[in-house]
Protein backbone atom coordinates (compact mmCIF):
# COMPACT_ATOMS: atom_id res chain seq x y z
CA MET A 1 83.92 83.46 81.11
CA ALA A 2 83.25 85.10 84.49
CA LYS A 3 80.92 88.07 84.39
CA GLN A 4 82.64 91.37 85.07
CA HIS A 5 80.95 93.73 87.48
CA THR A 6 81.22 97.47 86.87
CA LEU A 7 81.40 99.69 89.94
CA SER A 8 78.86 102.47 90.28
CA GLY A 9 80.14 106.02 90.19
CA ILE A 10 80.00 106.44 93.95
CA ALA A 11 81.65 103.05 94.55
CA GLU A 12 84.50 104.00 92.23
CA PHE A 13 84.84 107.34 94.00
CA ALA A 14 85.13 105.56 97.37
CA ARG A 15 87.61 103.03 95.97
CA ARG A 16 89.80 105.78 94.52
CA HIS A 17 89.79 108.16 97.47
CA ASP A 18 89.44 105.86 100.49
CA PRO A 19 90.64 102.37 99.54
CA ASP A 20 90.80 101.23 103.18
CA ARG A 21 87.13 101.85 103.92
CA PHE A 22 86.16 100.70 100.42
CA LEU A 23 87.72 97.29 101.11
CA CYS A 24 85.92 97.11 104.45
CA ALA A 25 82.61 98.06 102.80
CA LEU A 26 82.80 95.05 100.50
CA PHE A 27 81.91 92.89 103.52
CA ALA A 28 78.61 94.73 104.03
CA PRO A 29 75.36 93.21 102.72
CA ALA A 30 74.95 94.08 99.04
CA ALA A 31 71.74 96.02 99.65
CA GLN A 32 73.53 98.52 101.93
CA ARG A 33 76.79 98.94 100.04
CA GLU A 34 75.83 101.90 97.82
CA ALA A 35 74.71 103.93 100.84
CA LEU A 36 77.92 102.96 102.63
CA PHE A 37 79.97 104.12 99.65
CA ALA A 38 78.09 107.44 99.76
CA LEU A 39 78.96 107.80 103.46
CA ILE A 40 82.64 107.08 102.72
CA ALA A 41 82.65 109.63 99.89
CA TYR A 42 80.98 112.27 102.07
CA ASN A 43 83.62 111.77 104.75
CA HIS A 44 86.33 112.21 102.13
CA GLU A 45 84.81 115.52 101.03
CA LEU A 46 84.71 116.74 104.63
CA ALA A 47 88.30 115.63 105.21
CA ARG A 48 89.56 117.55 102.19
CA ALA A 49 87.69 120.76 103.06
CA ARG A 50 90.72 122.25 104.81
CA GLU A 51 93.27 120.66 102.49
CA ALA A 52 91.62 122.12 99.39
CA ALA A 53 91.00 125.58 100.89
CA LYS A 54 93.44 128.48 100.78
CA THR A 55 92.14 129.92 104.04
CA PRO A 56 90.35 128.59 107.15
CA LEU A 57 87.29 130.66 106.23
CA ILE A 58 86.97 128.91 102.88
CA ALA A 59 87.31 125.55 104.65
CA LEU A 60 84.40 126.47 106.93
CA MET A 61 82.37 127.52 103.90
CA ARG A 62 83.02 124.13 102.30
CA LEU A 63 81.81 122.38 105.43
CA GLN A 64 78.69 124.52 105.44
CA TRP A 65 78.03 123.61 101.80
CA TRP A 66 78.02 119.93 102.77
CA ARG A 67 75.77 120.59 105.76
CA GLU A 68 73.28 122.13 103.33
CA VAL A 69 73.51 119.06 101.09
CA VAL A 70 72.47 116.92 104.06
CA GLU A 71 69.75 119.36 105.17
CA HIS A 72 68.28 119.50 101.67
CA ALA A 73 68.04 115.71 101.60
CA ALA A 74 66.44 115.59 105.05
CA GLU A 75 63.91 118.26 104.02
CA GLY A 76 63.02 116.57 100.74
CA ARG A 77 64.51 119.34 98.60
CA PRO A 78 66.23 118.56 95.27
CA PRO A 79 69.84 117.34 95.41
CA ARG A 80 72.73 119.55 94.43
CA ARG A 81 74.63 118.72 91.26
CA HIS A 82 77.74 116.90 92.49
CA GLU A 83 79.06 113.37 92.08
CA VAL A 84 78.89 112.77 95.84
CA ALA A 85 75.95 115.01 96.76
CA ALA A 86 73.46 113.14 94.56
CA PRO A 87 74.04 109.60 95.92
CA LEU A 88 74.35 110.97 99.47
CA HIS A 89 71.00 112.73 99.01
CA ALA A 90 69.47 109.44 97.83
CA ALA A 91 70.83 107.55 100.85
CA VAL A 92 69.51 110.13 103.31
CA ALA A 93 66.15 110.39 101.55
CA ALA A 94 65.81 106.60 101.67
CA GLY A 95 66.41 106.60 105.42
CA ALA A 96 69.65 104.64 105.12
CA ILE A 97 71.84 107.27 106.80
CA ASP A 98 70.86 109.41 109.77
CA PRO A 99 71.30 113.09 108.79
CA ALA A 100 72.16 113.95 112.40
CA ASP A 101 75.21 111.68 112.16
CA LEU A 102 76.31 113.41 108.95
CA LEU A 103 75.90 116.89 110.41
CA ALA A 104 77.87 115.90 113.51
CA MET A 105 80.72 114.69 111.28
CA ALA A 106 80.83 118.11 109.59
CA ASP A 107 80.81 119.90 112.96
CA ALA A 108 83.74 117.80 114.18
CA ARG A 109 85.86 118.92 111.21
CA GLU A 110 85.70 122.59 112.17
CA ILE A 111 88.67 122.30 114.51
CA GLU A 112 90.86 121.56 111.48
CA ALA A 113 90.24 125.12 110.34
CA GLU A 114 91.43 126.67 113.60
CA GLU A 115 94.84 128.25 113.08
CA GLU A 116 95.78 127.76 116.74
CA GLY A 117 95.72 123.97 116.37
CA ILE A 118 94.19 121.28 118.58
CA PRO A 119 94.95 122.34 122.17
CA THR A 120 94.82 119.17 124.26
CA ARG A 121 94.75 115.38 124.09
CA GLU A 122 91.12 115.55 125.22
CA ALA A 123 90.22 117.87 122.33
CA PHE A 124 92.19 115.60 119.99
CA SER A 125 90.19 112.56 121.16
CA ALA A 126 86.93 114.46 120.75
CA TYR A 127 87.97 115.40 117.21
CA LEU A 128 88.73 111.75 116.37
CA ARG A 129 85.48 110.53 117.97
CA GLY A 130 83.50 112.97 115.88
CA THR A 131 85.29 112.39 112.57
CA ALA A 132 86.48 108.79 112.06
CA GLY A 133 84.37 107.70 115.04
CA GLY A 134 81.38 109.40 113.47
CA VAL A 135 81.88 107.44 110.25
CA ALA A 136 81.88 104.20 112.22
CA VAL A 137 78.69 105.13 114.10
CA ALA A 138 76.86 106.15 110.91
CA ALA A 139 78.02 102.96 109.20
CA GLY A 140 76.94 100.88 112.18
CA ARG A 141 73.45 102.38 112.17
CA LEU A 142 73.23 101.86 108.42
CA LEU A 143 74.17 98.18 108.78
CA GLY A 144 71.86 97.48 111.71
CA ALA A 145 74.35 97.35 114.57
CA PRO A 146 72.71 97.12 118.01
CA PRO A 147 72.52 100.60 119.61
CA SER A 148 74.36 99.25 122.65
CA LEU A 149 77.44 98.61 120.47
CA LEU A 150 77.58 102.03 118.81
CA PRO A 151 79.92 103.44 121.51
CA ALA A 152 82.35 100.56 120.89
CA LEU A 153 82.13 101.21 117.16
CA GLN A 154 82.88 104.87 117.78
CA GLN A 155 85.98 103.95 119.80
CA ALA A 156 87.09 101.58 117.03
CA GLY A 157 86.62 104.38 114.51
CA LEU A 158 88.59 106.73 116.76
CA ALA A 159 91.52 104.31 116.66
CA TYR A 160 91.44 104.25 112.86
CA GLY A 161 91.34 108.05 112.78
CA LEU A 162 94.24 108.24 115.23
CA ALA A 163 96.36 105.92 113.12
CA GLY A 164 95.48 107.96 110.05
CA VAL A 165 96.59 111.25 111.61
CA LEU A 166 99.81 109.72 112.95
CA ARG A 167 100.68 108.08 109.62
CA SER A 168 100.01 111.36 107.85
CA VAL A 169 102.29 113.59 109.93
CA PRO A 170 104.82 114.01 107.05
CA ALA A 171 102.09 114.53 104.44
CA LEU A 172 100.32 117.12 106.61
CA ALA A 173 103.63 118.88 107.25
CA GLY A 174 104.03 119.17 103.48
CA GLN A 175 100.75 121.12 103.48
CA GLY A 176 101.97 123.33 106.32
CA ARG A 177 99.67 121.60 108.81
CA CYS A 178 100.00 119.70 112.10
CA LEU A 179 97.05 118.03 113.85
CA LEU A 180 98.94 116.65 116.85
CA PRO A 181 97.68 118.00 120.22
CA LEU A 182 99.57 121.04 121.43
CA ASP A 183 99.96 119.78 125.01
CA ALA A 184 101.62 116.55 123.85
CA LEU A 185 103.93 118.53 121.58
CA ALA A 186 104.83 120.99 124.34
CA GLU A 187 105.76 118.15 126.71
CA ALA A 188 108.26 117.01 124.06
CA GLY A 189 109.58 120.55 123.62
CA LEU A 190 107.93 120.93 120.22
CA THR A 191 105.58 123.29 118.42
CA PRO A 192 103.42 122.67 115.34
CA GLU A 193 105.81 124.89 113.38
CA ALA A 194 108.74 122.68 114.39
CA VAL A 195 106.88 119.55 113.21
CA VAL A 196 106.02 121.20 109.90
CA GLN A 197 109.70 122.06 109.48
CA GLU A 198 110.94 118.59 110.52
CA PRO A 199 108.22 115.90 110.78
CA GLY A 200 110.67 113.35 112.16
CA ALA A 201 110.99 115.42 115.34
CA ALA A 202 107.48 114.32 116.30
CA ARG A 203 108.54 110.68 116.49
CA PRO A 204 108.34 110.41 120.35
CA VAL A 205 104.91 112.07 120.38
CA VAL A 206 103.64 109.80 117.62
CA ALA A 207 104.89 106.68 119.41
CA ALA A 208 103.31 107.73 122.72
CA LEU A 209 99.95 108.52 121.15
CA ALA A 210 100.02 105.23 119.24
CA GLU A 211 100.77 103.27 122.41
CA ALA A 212 97.93 104.98 124.27
CA GLY A 213 95.60 104.31 121.33
CA LEU A 214 96.45 100.62 121.35
CA ALA A 215 95.85 100.34 125.08
CA ALA A 216 92.43 101.96 124.72
CA GLN A 217 91.25 99.39 122.17
CA ALA A 218 90.97 96.33 124.43
CA ALA A 219 87.46 97.10 125.74
CA PRO A 220 85.81 98.04 122.42
CA ARG A 221 87.45 95.07 120.70
CA ALA A 222 85.94 92.71 123.27
CA ALA A 223 82.51 94.34 122.88
CA LEU A 224 82.61 94.14 119.09
CA ARG A 225 82.92 90.37 119.20
CA ARG A 226 79.13 90.48 119.71
CA LEU A 227 78.57 92.57 116.60
CA GLY A 228 77.58 89.81 114.17
CA ARG A 229 78.12 89.41 110.44
CA SER A 230 75.83 92.03 108.87
CA PRO A 231 77.33 95.10 110.61
CA ILE A 232 80.94 93.82 110.63
CA ALA A 233 82.03 96.16 107.82
CA ALA A 234 81.54 99.13 110.16
CA ALA A 235 84.19 97.74 112.53
CA LEU A 236 86.75 96.42 110.04
CA PRO A 237 88.84 99.64 109.88
CA ALA A 238 89.83 98.79 113.47
CA VAL A 239 91.82 95.85 112.10
CA LEU A 240 93.97 98.24 110.09
CA ALA A 241 94.18 100.66 113.01
CA ARG A 242 95.56 97.97 115.29
CA ARG A 243 98.24 96.99 112.76
CA ASP A 244 99.17 100.62 112.08
CA LEU A 245 99.35 101.62 115.73
CA ARG A 246 101.61 98.67 116.53
CA ARG A 247 103.96 99.72 113.74
CA LEU A 248 103.87 103.34 114.89
CA THR A 249 105.02 102.39 118.38
CA ARG A 250 108.14 100.81 116.85
CA GLY A 251 109.17 103.16 114.08
CA PRO A 252 108.05 105.81 111.60
CA VAL A 253 105.28 104.75 109.23
CA ALA A 254 104.22 107.01 106.39
CA ALA A 255 100.85 106.68 104.74
CA GLY A 256 101.11 104.66 101.55
CA PRO A 257 99.74 101.65 99.68
CA ARG A 258 98.50 98.85 101.88
CA SER A 259 100.52 95.66 102.15
CA PHE A 260 99.19 92.24 101.27
CA GLY A 261 99.25 91.44 105.00
CA ASP A 262 96.99 94.40 105.78
CA ARG A 263 94.46 93.42 103.12
CA LEU A 264 94.58 89.78 104.21
CA ALA A 265 93.93 90.73 107.85
CA VAL A 266 90.83 92.71 106.85
CA THR A 267 89.63 89.89 104.61
CA LEU A 268 89.97 87.26 107.32
CA ALA A 269 88.22 89.46 109.87
CA GLY A 270 85.43 90.18 107.41
CA LEU A 271 84.91 86.52 106.50
CA THR A 272 84.96 85.32 110.12
CA ALA A 273 83.16 88.38 111.58
CA ARG A 274 85.84 88.62 114.26
CA ILE A 275 87.66 91.88 114.89
């Protein structure tokens, strides 16, 4: 009988809350996986700071709490009692994750708490570079990616973050939120309030942003062919991003369970180390 492997608490947390990145992390070397799961879980906690908060101020307080978790680990202070804080503390203390990367990820989330919204496409790109792109950079460092390829990893992470925001337009509207850039909405005669009221109205904006995101992926994809097998897990979300963005240029796609084709594409890319 085959031996059954039980997931650690932090691995199960990552699997439950971020199944996309969890699948990608399985292609990382075994010795780095637990730290990678802690990074994925930390990102989830940052991402839900605004969702779980009743007011923007409370969201900012949540982000500050996580900054302090990272700072305590970097300073050698005891970890806070939390299912994510403890393994994250261990990963930082062991030198597996750069605390500066983690703090930058928290900083990038602050714009989600601004009631005015994200003003421009440039600000939107900066937000995606700092959030999903920041995850990719931290994962790349953790897995030993060459420093010269970290910018390409950040761009690949940006694409995954873009696809995630675009796929989540209806879900975010259900929370009374819209993260699409205000200038792109205005050009389509829309406001965030209009998208919250009728998410389908944002279809032209979503398609245009998806098309631009796809076009921007050619250069980082070519660079990441030099990444190698050990760090490949950091780049694998780009496989899903590419598939999602293509679908978003053609029709509405809501976030939901991954198809067999999506999982197969990640698996093949992970086994061949080709993005």
